[in-house]
């Protein structure tokens, strides 16, 4: 029996890639940052509130942003060197895989594989808890179909619940 549940690797990679393509820059903007500093987690200011937000909601959002960025910084710092290097060049420095390949010993396809692996490592290590109790989890788990015959132990267990 495996220690961890099986994940859908393709969908997990797609979700992490979506986060960095569409939400990461916004998160940085909310913290008044241009990029994540992997050495010192300093957020320069509290984010401003949106329409209809009271002071408590703005403070909670600011705490969520700080906590999320700190969790992300720790997760990225823990990446293996090869994946971390590709990640920083592609995400923070916004280099294409073609440009990275020109200054690297790796082919473009290999760099994309390293990036996919980085995304999987990030999905494994990035789980900030937001102020409303939500825990961020990028993993996708395959749908499990359970079937059982009438009169089996599974039916008895399900009826007891």
Protein backbone atom coordinates (compact mmCIF):
# COMPACT_ATOMS: atom_id res chain seq x y z
CA UNK A 1 0.00 0.00 0.00
CA UNK A 2 1.52 3.35 -1.01
CA UNK A 3 2.28 5.93 1.65
CA UNK A 4 0.76 8.78 -0.39
CA UNK A 5 -2.31 8.75 -2.61
CA UNK A 6 -1.81 8.61 -6.35
CA UNK A 7 -2.00 11.97 -8.12
CA UNK A 8 -2.87 12.95 -11.65
CA UNK A 9 0.55 14.35 -12.58
CA UNK A 10 -0.59 16.09 -15.78
CA UNK A 11 -3.45 18.01 -14.14
CA UNK A 12 -1.29 18.85 -11.12
CA UNK A 13 1.44 20.29 -13.36
CA UNK A 14 -1.20 22.25 -15.30
CA UNK A 15 -2.63 23.76 -12.09
CA UNK A 16 0.76 24.85 -10.78
CA UNK A 17 1.66 26.29 -14.21
CA UNK A 18 -1.66 28.17 -14.25
CA UNK A 19 -0.91 29.63 -10.82
CA UNK A 20 2.46 30.97 -11.95
CA UNK A 21 1.12 32.23 -15.28
CA UNK A 22 -2.03 33.93 -13.98
CA UNK A 23 -1.94 34.42 -10.20
CA UNK A 24 1.71 34.69 -9.11
CA UNK A 25 2.26 38.20 -10.53
CA UNK A 26 -0.96 39.41 -8.93
CA UNK A 27 0.12 37.99 -5.57
CA UNK A 28 3.44 39.82 -5.90
CA UNK A 29 1.65 43.03 -6.89
CA UNK A 30 -0.59 42.76 -3.81
CA UNK A 31 2.58 42.64 -1.72
CA UNK A 32 4.14 45.54 -3.68
CA UNK A 33 6.91 43.28 -4.95
CA UNK A 34 8.28 42.66 -8.44
CA UNK A 35 9.72 39.25 -7.68
CA UNK A 36 10.08 36.93 -4.74
CA UNK A 37 13.32 37.36 -2.84
CA UNK A 38 14.49 33.85 -2.05
CA UNK A 39 16.81 35.05 0.70
CA UNK A 40 14.68 37.41 2.80
CA UNK A 41 10.89 37.32 2.98
CA UNK A 42 10.06 41.01 3.31
CA UNK A 43 6.71 42.25 2.12
CA UNK A 44 6.92 45.99 1.60
CA UNK A 45 3.36 46.97 2.48
CA UNK A 46 -0.14 45.75 3.22
CA UNK A 47 -2.37 45.27 0.17
CA UNK A 48 -5.16 47.76 -0.33
CA UNK A 49 -8.72 46.58 0.07
CA UNK A 50 -11.26 46.21 -2.66
CA UNK A 51 -14.69 47.78 -2.80
CA UNK A 52 -16.83 46.81 0.18
CA UNK A 53 -13.94 45.38 2.20
CA UNK A 54 -13.72 46.35 5.85
CA UNK A 55 -10.46 46.80 7.77
CA UNK A 56 -10.55 43.24 9.14
CA UNK A 57 -10.86 41.76 5.64
CA UNK A 58 -7.97 43.90 4.40
CA UNK A 59 -5.79 42.80 7.33
CA UNK A 60 -6.75 39.13 6.78
CA UNK A 61 -5.93 39.46 3.08
CA UNK A 62 -2.56 41.03 3.95
CA UNK A 63 -1.75 38.20 6.33
CA UNK A 64 -2.77 35.66 3.68
CA UNK A 65 -0.51 37.32 1.09
CA UNK A 66 2.46 37.40 3.48
CA UNK A 67 1.93 33.81 4.61
CA UNK A 68 1.45 32.58 1.05
CA UNK A 69 4.60 34.30 -0.22
CA UNK A 70 6.67 33.03 2.71
CA UNK A 71 5.41 29.49 2.14
CA UNK A 72 6.17 29.82 -1.57
CA UNK A 73 9.66 31.18 -0.87
CA UNK A 74 10.44 28.22 1.42
CA UNK A 75 9.08 25.74 -1.12
CA UNK A 76 11.10 27.19 -4.00
CA UNK A 77 14.25 27.34 -1.87
CA UNK A 78 13.82 23.63 -1.17
CA UNK A 79 13.76 22.70 -4.88
CA UNK A 80 16.71 20.65 -6.13
CA UNK A 81 19.31 22.95 -7.73
CA UNK A 82 18.59 21.98 -11.34
CA UNK A 83 14.83 22.50 -11.04
CA UNK A 84 15.28 25.67 -8.98
CA UNK A 85 17.59 27.19 -11.59
CA UNK A 86 15.16 26.49 -14.45
CA UNK A 87 12.24 27.73 -12.36
CA UNK A 88 13.88 31.05 -11.47
CA UNK A 89 15.02 31.68 -15.04
CA UNK A 90 11.65 30.81 -16.56
CA UNK A 91 9.28 32.32 -13.97
CA UNK A 92 11.15 35.19 -12.32
CA UNK A 93 13.45 36.21 -15.14
CA UNK A 94 10.73 35.37 -17.71
CA UNK A 95 13.19 33.63 -20.02
CA UNK A 96 11.88 31.26 -22.68
CA UNK A 97 13.07 27.66 -22.67
CA UNK A 98 14.87 28.42 -25.94
CA UNK A 99 16.83 31.23 -24.27
CA UNK A 100 17.62 29.09 -21.23
CA UNK A 101 18.83 26.26 -23.51
CA UNK A 102 21.25 28.63 -25.26
CA UNK A 103 23.11 29.23 -21.98
CA UNK A 104 22.76 25.70 -20.67
CA UNK A 105 23.97 22.18 -21.37
CA UNK A 106 20.35 20.98 -21.58
CA UNK A 107 18.07 20.75 -24.58
CA UNK A 108 14.82 22.70 -24.55
CA UNK A 109 12.75 19.53 -24.07
CA UNK A 110 14.88 18.53 -21.07
CA UNK A 111 14.42 21.98 -19.54
CA UNK A 112 10.64 21.62 -19.93
CA UNK A 113 10.88 18.27 -18.13
CA UNK A 114 12.85 19.95 -15.31
CA UNK A 115 10.17 22.64 -15.11
CA UNK A 116 7.42 20.03 -14.90
CA UNK A 117 9.33 18.30 -12.12
CA UNK A 118 9.72 21.66 -10.32
CA UNK A 119 5.95 22.14 -10.55
CA UNK A 120 5.40 18.70 -8.99
CA UNK A 121 7.85 19.52 -6.17
CA UNK A 122 6.01 22.81 -5.61
CA UNK A 123 2.66 20.99 -5.47
CA UNK A 124 4.16 18.65 -2.84
CA UNK A 125 5.65 21.40 -0.69
CA UNK A 126 3.37 24.43 -1.06
CA UNK A 127 0.38 24.22 1.30
CA UNK A 128 -0.24 27.58 2.96
CA UNK A 129 -3.21 27.86 5.33
CA UNK A 130 -5.30 30.94 4.62
CA UNK A 131 -7.04 33.00 7.31
CA UNK A 132 -10.40 31.38 6.52
CA UNK A 133 -8.90 27.94 7.23
CA UNK A 134 -8.49 26.95 3.57
CA UNK A 135 -5.36 24.95 2.79
CA UNK A 136 -4.02 25.42 -0.72
CA UNK A 137 -3.36 22.12 -2.50
CA UNK A 138 -2.49 21.96 -6.20
CA UNK A 139 -2.66 18.16 -6.37
CA UNK A 140 -5.27 16.47 -8.50
CA UNK A 141 -6.32 13.05 -7.33
CA UNK A 142 -7.87 10.56 -9.75
CA UNK A 143 -11.53 9.85 -9.17
CA UNK A 144 -11.91 6.53 -7.43
CA UNK A 145 -14.86 4.35 -8.37
CA UNK A 146 -15.80 1.99 -5.57
CA UNK A 147 -18.09 -0.90 -6.35
CA UNK A 148 -19.24 -3.61 -4.03
CA UNK A 149 -21.64 -6.53 -4.01
CA UNK A 150 -24.72 -6.57 -1.74
CA UNK A 151 -24.06 -8.36 1.53
CA UNK A 152 -20.29 -7.71 1.53
CA UNK A 153 -18.40 -6.06 4.35
CA UNK A 154 -18.32 -2.79 2.36
CA UNK A 155 -22.12 -2.64 2.26
CA UNK A 156 -22.33 -3.25 6.01
CA UNK A 157 -19.75 -0.53 6.65
CA UNK A 158 -21.58 1.94 4.39
CA UNK A 159 -24.93 1.19 6.05
CA UNK A 160 -23.43 1.83 9.50
CA UNK A 161 -22.45 5.34 8.51
